[in-house]
PDB file of N, CA and C in Angstrom:
ATOM      1  N   MET A   1     -12.975 -56.279 -42.781  1.00  0.00           N
ATOM      2  CA  MET A   1     -12.707 -57.733 -42.691  1.00  0.00           C
ATOM      3  C   MET A   1     -13.098 -58.298 -43.880  1.00  0.00           C
ATOM      4  N   ASN A   2     -12.112 -59.045 -44.643  1.00  0.00           N
ATOM      5  CA  ASN A   2     -12.475 -59.720 -46.301  1.00  0.00           C
ATOM      6  C   ASN A   2     -12.109 -61.144 -46.124  1.00  0.00           C
ATOM      7  N   LEU A   3     -13.008 -61.943 -46.272  1.00  0.00           N
ATOM      8  CA  LEU A   3     -12.676 -63.220 -46.100  1.00  0.00           C
ATOM      9  C   LEU A   3     -12.837 -63.746 -47.641  1.00  0.00           C
ATOM     10  N   ARG A   4     -11.707 -64.521 -48.060  1.00  0.00           N
ATOM     11  CA  ARG A   4     -11.894 -65.448 -49.310  1.00  0.00           C
ATOM     12  C   ARG A   4     -11.155 -66.574 -49.282  1.00  0.00           C
ATOM     13  N   ALA A   5     -11.626 -67.385 -50.275  1.00  0.00           N
ATOM     14  CA  ALA A   5     -11.361 -68.988 -50.273  1.00  0.00           C
ATOM     15  C   ALA A   5     -11.807 -69.354 -51.564  1.00  0.00           C
ATOM     16  N   GLY A   6     -10.728 -70.298 -51.989  1.00  0.00           N
ATOM     17  CA  GLY A   6     -10.543 -70.835 -53.449  1.00  0.00           C
ATOM     18  C   GLY A   6     -10.028 -72.280 -53.660  1.00  0.00           C
ATOM     19  N   HIS A   7     -10.926 -73.473 -54.435  1.00  0.00           N
ATOM     20  CA  HIS A   7     -10.151 -74.315 -54.632  1.00  0.00           C
ATOM     21  C   HIS A   7     -10.380 -74.936 -56.129  1.00  0.00           C
ATOM     22  N   ASP A   8      -8.964 -75.716 -56.275  1.00  0.00           N
ATOM     23  CA  ASP A   8      -8.984 -76.448 -57.590  1.00  0.00           C
ATOM     24  C   ASP A   8      -9.413 -77.881 -57.414  1.00  0.00           C
ATOM     25  N   TRP A   9     -10.201 -78.387 -58.495  1.00  0.00           N
ATOM     26  CA  TRP A   9     -10.525 -79.834 -58.516  1.00  0.00           C
ATOM     27  C   TRP A   9     -10.023 -80.094 -60.036  1.00  0.00           C
ATOM     28  N   GLY A  10      -8.692 -80.315 -60.443  1.00  0.00           N
ATOM     29  CA  GLY A  10      -8.204 -80.765 -61.958  1.00  0.00           C
ATOM     30  C   GLY A  10      -8.976 -79.361 -63.071  1.00  0.00           C
ATOM     31  N   ARG A  11      -9.780 -79.358 -63.428  1.00  0.00           N
ATOM     32  CA  ARG A  11     -10.293 -78.192 -64.472  1.00  0.00           C
ATOM     33  C   ARG A  11     -11.586 -77.578 -64.288  1.00  0.00           C
ATOM     34  N   ILE A  12     -11.807 -77.858 -63.007  1.00  0.00           N
ATOM     35  CA  ILE A  12     -12.702 -76.659 -62.322  1.00  0.00           C
ATOM     36  C   ILE A  12     -12.384 -75.957 -61.143  1.00  0.00           C
ATOM     37  N   ARG A  13     -12.584 -74.625 -60.942  1.00  0.00           N
ATOM     38  CA  ARG A  13     -12.098 -73.892 -59.684  1.00  0.00           C
ATOM     39  C   ARG A  13     -12.982 -73.169 -59.285  1.00  0.00           C
ATOM     40  N   LEU A  14     -13.249 -72.915 -57.787  1.00  0.00           N
ATOM     41  CA  LEU A  14     -14.606 -72.415 -57.307  1.00  0.00           C
ATOM     42  C   LEU A  14     -13.885 -71.565 -56.095  1.00  0.00           C
ATOM     43  N   ASP A  15     -14.490 -70.384 -56.435  1.00  0.00           N
ATOM     44  CA  ASP A  15     -13.756 -69.419 -55.287  1.00  0.00           C
ATOM     45  C   ASP A  15     -15.346 -68.457 -54.903  1.00  0.00           C
ATOM     46  N   VAL A  16     -14.814 -68.377 -53.529  1.00  0.00           N
ATOM     47  CA  VAL A  16     -16.049 -67.903 -52.520  1.00  0.00           C
ATOM     48  C   VAL A  16     -15.655 -66.595 -51.742  1.00  0.00           C
ATOM     49  N   GLY A  17     -16.310 -65.703 -51.834  1.00  0.00           N
ATOM     50  CA  GLY A  17     -15.602 -64.419 -50.730  1.00  0.00           C
ATOM     51  C   GLY A  17     -16.684 -63.380 -50.029  1.00  0.00           C
ATOM     52  N   LEU A  18     -16.489 -63.220 -48.746  1.00  0.00           N
ATOM     53  CA  LEU A  18     -17.312 -62.136 -48.338  1.00  0.00           C
ATOM     54  C   LEU A  18     -16.602 -60.570 -47.651  1.00  0.00           C
ATOM     55  N   GLU A  19     -17.223 -60.018 -48.791  1.00  0.00           N
ATOM     56  CA  GLU A  19     -16.250 -58.365 -48.295  1.00  0.00           C
ATOM     57  C   GLU A  19     -17.047 -58.034 -47.603  1.00  0.00           C
ATOM     58  N   ASN A  20     -16.250 -56.934 -46.762  1.00  0.00           N
ATOM     59  CA  ASN A  20     -17.030 -55.863 -45.108  1.00  0.00           C
ATOM     60  C   ASN A  20     -17.796 -57.206 -44.605  1.00  0.00           C
ATOM     61  N   ALA A  21     -17.018 -57.989 -43.989  1.00  0.00           N
ATOM     62  CA  ALA A  21     -18.169 -59.267 -43.615  1.00  0.00           C
ATOM     63  C   ALA A  21     -18.518 -58.822 -42.270  1.00  0.00           C
ATOM     64  N   LEU A  22     -17.752 -57.516 -41.290  1.00  0.00           N
ATOM     65  CA  LEU A  22     -18.545 -57.091 -40.514  1.00  0.00           C
ATOM     66  C   LEU A  22     -19.609 -55.764 -40.655  1.00  0.00           C
ATOM     67  N   ASN A  23     -19.800 -55.803 -41.659  1.00  0.00           N
ATOM     68  CA  ASN A  23     -20.583 -54.401 -42.359  1.00  0.00           C
ATOM     69  C   ASN A  23     -20.736 -52.982 -42.013  1.00  0.00           C
ATOM     70  N   ARG A  24     -19.301 -52.916 -41.788  1.00  0.00           N
ATOM     71  CA  ARG A  24     -18.543 -51.416 -40.998  1.00  0.00           C
ATOM     72  C   ARG A  24     -19.038 -50.574 -42.102  1.00  0.00           C
ATOM     73  N   MET A  25     -19.332 -49.273 -41.394  1.00  0.00           N
ATOM     74  CA  MET A  25     -19.852 -48.410 -41.951  1.00  0.00           C
ATOM     75  C   MET A  25     -17.772 -47.471 -42.652  1.00  0.00           C
ATOM     76  N   TYR A  26     -17.762 -47.233 -43.612  1.00  0.00           N
ATOM     77  CA  TYR A  26     -16.609 -46.616 -44.164  1.00  0.00           C
ATOM     78  C   TYR A  26     -16.406 -45.742 -45.395  1.00  0.00           C
ATOM     79  N   ALA A  27     -15.695 -44.719 -45.501  1.00  0.00           N
ATOM     80  CA  ALA A  27     -15.804 -44.251 -46.708  1.00  0.00           C
ATOM     81  C   ALA A  27     -14.077 -44.378 -47.462  1.00  0.00           C
ATOM     82  N   GLN A  28     -14.227 -44.490 -48.750  1.00  0.00           N
ATOM     83  CA  GLN A  28     -12.772 -44.697 -49.270  1.00  0.00           C
ATOM     84  C   GLN A  28     -12.153 -43.417 -49.586  1.00  0.00           C
ATOM     85  N   PRO A  29     -10.653 -43.389 -49.538  1.00  0.00           N
ATOM     86  CA  PRO A  29     -10.315 -42.230 -49.519  1.00  0.00           C
ATOM     87  C   PRO A  29     -10.886 -41.427 -51.036  1.00  0.00           C
ATOM     88  N   THR A  30     -10.541 -42.206 -52.047  1.00  0.00           N
ATOM     89  CA  THR A  30     -10.867 -41.296 -53.604  1.00  0.00           C
ATOM     90  C   THR A  30     -12.271 -41.877 -53.716  1.00  0.00           C
ATOM     91  N   GLY A  31     -13.251 -42.047 -52.851  1.00  0.00           N
ATOM     92  CA  GLY A  31     -14.830 -42.612 -53.301  1.00  0.00           C
ATOM     93  C   GLY A  31     -15.113 -41.130 -53.997  1.00  0.00           C
ATOM     94  N   GLY A  32     -14.827 -40.553 -53.959  1.00  0.00           N
ATOM     95  CA  GLY A  32     -16.137 -39.206 -54.234  1.00  0.00           C
ATOM     96  C   GLY A  32     -16.408 -38.349 -53.348  1.00  0.00           C
ATOM     97  N   ALA A  33     -16.860 -37.606 -53.659  1.00  0.00           N
ATOM     98  CA  ALA A  33     -17.671 -36.688 -52.770  1.00  0.00           C
ATOM     99  C   ALA A  33     -19.097 -36.162 -53.084  1.00  0.00           C
ATOM    100  N   TYR A  34     -20.041 -36.030 -51.817  1.00  0.00           N
ATOM    101  CA  TYR A  34     -21.507 -36.123 -52.193  1.00  0.00           C
ATOM    102  C   TYR A  34     -21.998 -34.419 -51.917  1.00  0.00           C
ATOM    103  N   ILE A  35     -22.254 -33.861 -52.977  1.00  0.00           N
ATOM    104  CA  ILE A  35     -22.633 -32.666 -52.919  1.00  0.00           C
ATOM    105  C   ILE A  35     -24.013 -31.853 -53.210  1.00  0.00           C
ATOM    106  N   GLY A  36     -25.238 -33.175 -53.289  1.00  0.00           N
ATOM    107  CA  GLY A  36     -26.566 -32.924 -53.561  1.00  0.00           C
ATOM    108  C   GLY A  36     -27.535 -33.247 -52.132  1.00  0.00           C
ATOM    109  N   GLN A  37     -26.916 -32.420 -51.151  1.00  0.00           N
ATOM    110  CA  GLN A  37     -27.270 -32.631 -50.168  1.00  0.00           C
ATOM    111  C   GLN A  37     -27.638 -31.207 -49.484  1.00  0.00           C
ATOM    112  N   GLY A  38     -29.069 -30.527 -48.988  1.00  0.00           N
ATOM    113  CA  GLY A  38     -28.898 -29.632 -48.507  1.00  0.00           C
ATOM    114  C   GLY A  38     -30.778 -28.785 -49.161  1.00  0.00           C
ATOM    115  N   LYS A  39     -30.777 -27.684 -48.936  1.00  0.00           N
ATOM    116  CA  LYS A  39     -32.032 -26.947 -49.082  1.00  0.00           C
ATOM    117  C   LYS A  39     -32.081 -26.726 -50.922  1.00  0.00           C
ATOM    118  N   THR A  40     -31.099 -26.196 -51.513  1.00  0.00           N
ATOM    119  CA  THR A  40     -31.120 -26.084 -52.754  1.00  0.00           C
ATOM    120  C   THR A  40     -30.502 -26.953 -53.361  1.00  0.00           C
ATOM    121  N   MET A  41     -29.709 -28.149 -52.826  1.00  0.00           N
ATOM    122  CA  MET A  41     -28.989 -29.140 -53.859  1.00  0.00           C
ATOM    123  C   MET A  41     -27.844 -28.340 -54.565  1.00  0.00           C
ATOM    124  N   SER A  42     -27.244 -27.404 -54.462  1.00  0.00           N
ATOM    125  CA  SER A  42     -26.350 -26.880 -54.778  1.00  0.00           C
ATOM    126  C   SER A  42     -25.214 -26.572 -53.652  1.00  0.00           C
ATOM    127  N   LEU A  43     -23.962 -25.946 -54.289  1.00  0.00           N
ATOM    128  CA  LEU A  43     -22.898 -25.355 -53.395  1.00  0.00           C
ATOM    129  C   LEU A  43     -23.028 -24.169 -52.555  1.00  0.00           C
ATOM    130  N   ASN A  44     -24.317 -23.121 -52.994  1.00  0.00           N
ATOM    131  CA  ASN A  44     -24.455 -22.074 -52.836  1.00  0.00           C
ATOM    132  C   ASN A  44     -25.747 -21.955 -51.912  1.00  0.00           C
ATOM    133  N   GLY A  45     -25.463 -21.881 -50.399  1.00  0.00           N
ATOM    134  CA  GLY A  45     -26.764 -22.048 -49.718  1.00  0.00           C
ATOM    135  C   GLY A  45     -27.276 -23.437 -49.328  1.00  0.00           C
ATOM    136  N   ALA A  46     -26.305 -24.545 -49.229  1.00  0.00           N
ATOM    137  CA  ALA A  46     -26.430 -25.694 -48.758  1.00  0.00           C
ATOM    138  C   ALA A  46     -26.248 -25.934 -47.359  1.00  0.00           C
ATOM    139  N   ASP A  47     -26.736 -26.209 -46.495  1.00  0.00           N
ATOM    140  CA  ASP A  47     -26.563 -26.746 -45.226  1.00  0.00           C
ATOM    141  C   ASP A  47     -25.370 -27.591 -44.683  1.00  0.00           C
ATOM    142  N   THR A  48     -24.792 -28.295 -45.608  1.00  0.00           N
ATOM    143  CA  THR A  48     -23.659 -29.234 -45.595  1.00  0.00           C
ATOM    144  C   THR A  48     -22.616 -28.911 -46.456  1.00  0.00           C
ATOM    145  N   PRO A  49     -21.624 -28.650 -45.526  1.00  0.00           N
ATOM    146  CA  PRO A  49     -20.013 -28.345 -46.528  1.00  0.00           C
ATOM    147  C   PRO A  49     -19.952 -29.431 -47.496  1.00  0.00           C
ATOM    148  N   TYR A  50     -19.338 -28.822 -48.388  1.00  0.00           N
ATOM    149  CA  TYR A  50     -18.603 -29.518 -49.644  1.00  0.00           C
ATOM    150  C   TYR A  50     -17.749 -30.562 -49.493  1.00  0.00           C
ATOM    151  N   GLY A  51     -17.737 -31.900 -49.386  1.00  0.00           N
ATOM    152  CA  GLY A  51     -17.159 -32.575 -49.663  1.00  0.00           C
ATOM    153  C   GLY A  51     -17.363 -33.912 -48.430  1.00  0.00           C
ATOM    154  N   ILE A  52     -18.545 -34.363 -48.740  1.00  0.00           N
ATOM    155  CA  ILE A  52     -18.943 -35.244 -47.557  1.00  0.00           C
ATOM    156  C   ILE A  52     -18.921 -36.406 -48.319  1.00  0.00           C
ATOM    157  N   ALA A  53     -17.884 -37.036 -47.514  1.00  0.00           N
ATOM    158  CA  ALA A  53     -17.406 -38.621 -48.535  1.00  0.00           C
ATOM    159  C   ALA A  53     -19.057 -39.532 -48.716  1.00  0.00           C
ATOM    160  N   MET A  54     -18.555 -40.215 -49.692  1.00  0.00           N
ATOM    161  CA  MET A  54     -19.501 -41.242 -50.197  1.00  0.00           C
ATOM    162  C   MET A  54     -19.049 -42.341 -49.548  1.00  0.00           C
ATOM    163  N   PRO A  55     -20.322 -43.272 -48.946  1.00  0.00           N
ATOM    164  CA  PRO A  55     -20.058 -44.076 -48.086  1.00  0.00           C
ATOM    165  C   PRO A  55     -19.544 -45.625 -48.959  1.00  0.00           C
ATOM    166  N   GLY A  56     -18.781 -46.534 -48.595  1.00  0.00           N
ATOM    167  CA  GLY A  56     -18.364 -47.494 -49.043  1.00  0.00           C
ATOM    168  C   GLY A  56     -18.988 -48.310 -49.142  1.00  0.00           C
ATOM    169  N   PRO A  57     -19.277 -49.574 -50.229  1.00  0.00           N
ATOM    170  CA  PRO A  57     -20.434 -50.827 -50.402  1.00  0.00           C
ATOM    171  C   PRO A  57     -20.427 -51.430 -48.594  1.00  0.00           C
ATOM    172  N   GLY A  58     -21.479 -52.065 -48.733  1.00  0.00           N
ATOM    173  CA  GLY A  58     -22.043 -52.800 -47.506  1.00  0.00           C
ATOM    174  C   GLY A  58     -21.374 -54.327 -47.691  1.00  0.00           C
ATOM    175  N   ARG A  59     -21.828 -55.233 -46.672  1.00  0.00           N
ATOM    176  CA  ARG A  59     -21.448 -56.358 -47.065  1.00  0.00           C
ATOM    177  C   ARG A  59     -22.029 -57.085 -48.153  1.00  0.00           C
ATOM    178  N   SER A  60     -20.983 -57.724 -48.699  1.00  0.00           N
ATOM    179  CA  SER A  60     -21.413 -58.531 -50.226  1.00  0.00           C
ATOM    180  C   SER A  60     -20.598 -59.815 -49.983  1.00  0.00           C
ATOM    181  N   LEU A  61     -21.631 -60.718 -50.878  1.00  0.00           N
ATOM    182  CA  LEU A  61     -21.219 -62.104 -51.012  1.00  0.00           C
ATOM    183  C   LEU A  61     -20.934 -62.545 -52.434  1.00  0.00           C
ATOM    184  N   TYR A  62     -19.872 -63.154 -52.757  1.00  0.00           N
ATOM    185  CA  TYR A  62     -19.698 -63.613 -54.096  1.00  0.00           C
ATOM    186  C   TYR A  62     -19.290 -65.025 -54.122  1.00  0.00           C
ATOM    187  N   LEU A  63     -19.461 -65.418 -55.298  1.00  0.00           N
ATOM    188  CA  LEU A  63     -19.209 -66.884 -55.586  1.00  0.00           C
ATOM    189  C   LEU A  63     -18.505 -67.087 -57.047  1.00  0.00           C
ATOM    190  N   GLY A  64     -17.698 -67.810 -57.692  1.00  0.00           N
ATOM    191  CA  GLY A  64     -17.479 -68.030 -58.726  1.00  0.00           C
ATOM    192  C   GLY A  64     -17.104 -69.305 -59.091  1.00  0.00           C
ATOM    193  N   LEU A  65     -17.140 -69.939 -60.369  1.00  0.00           N
ATOM    194  CA  LEU A  65     -16.917 -71.207 -61.010  1.00  0.00           C
ATOM    195  C   LEU A  65     -16.400 -70.913 -62.138  1.00  0.00           C
ATOM    196  N   THR A  66     -14.915 -71.717 -62.290  1.00  0.00           N
ATOM    197  CA  THR A  66     -14.490 -71.482 -63.645  1.00  0.00           C
ATOM    198  C   THR A  66     -14.369 -72.672 -64.031  1.00  0.00           C
ATOM    199  N   GLY A  67     -14.388 -72.585 -65.503  1.00  0.00           N
ATOM    200  CA  GLY A  67     -14.332 -74.173 -65.871  1.00  0.00           C
ATOM    201  C   GLY A  67     -13.137 -73.841 -67.080  1.00  0.00           C
ATOM    202  N   LYS A  68     -11.963 -75.016 -67.288  1.00  0.00           N
ATOM    203  CA  LYS A  68     -10.629 -74.795 -68.170  1.00  0.00           C
ATOM    204  C   LYS A  68     -11.126 -75.982 -69.367  1.00  0.00           C
ATOM    205  N   LEU A  69     -10.653 -75.714 -70.716  1.00  0.00           N
ATOM    206  CA  LEU A  69     -10.593 -76.650 -71.509  1.00  0.00           C
ATOM    207  C   LEU A  69      -9.719 -77.341 -71.976  1.00  0.00           C
TER     208      LEU A  69
END
């Protein structure tokens, strides 16, 4: 769940947002694969299969302030 809000005061705009508000663990479909795990840190002989999905970013908060001339 992502929460975003913004407001304009003439020449000034304030944006605020909370990404991944519930801090849920997930993997993006095109986020890549982690292959550096296992005894030898290689594809040959590693205990884990190729293609372990990289976790997505955790909870993050952002704040933006924009001014117009």
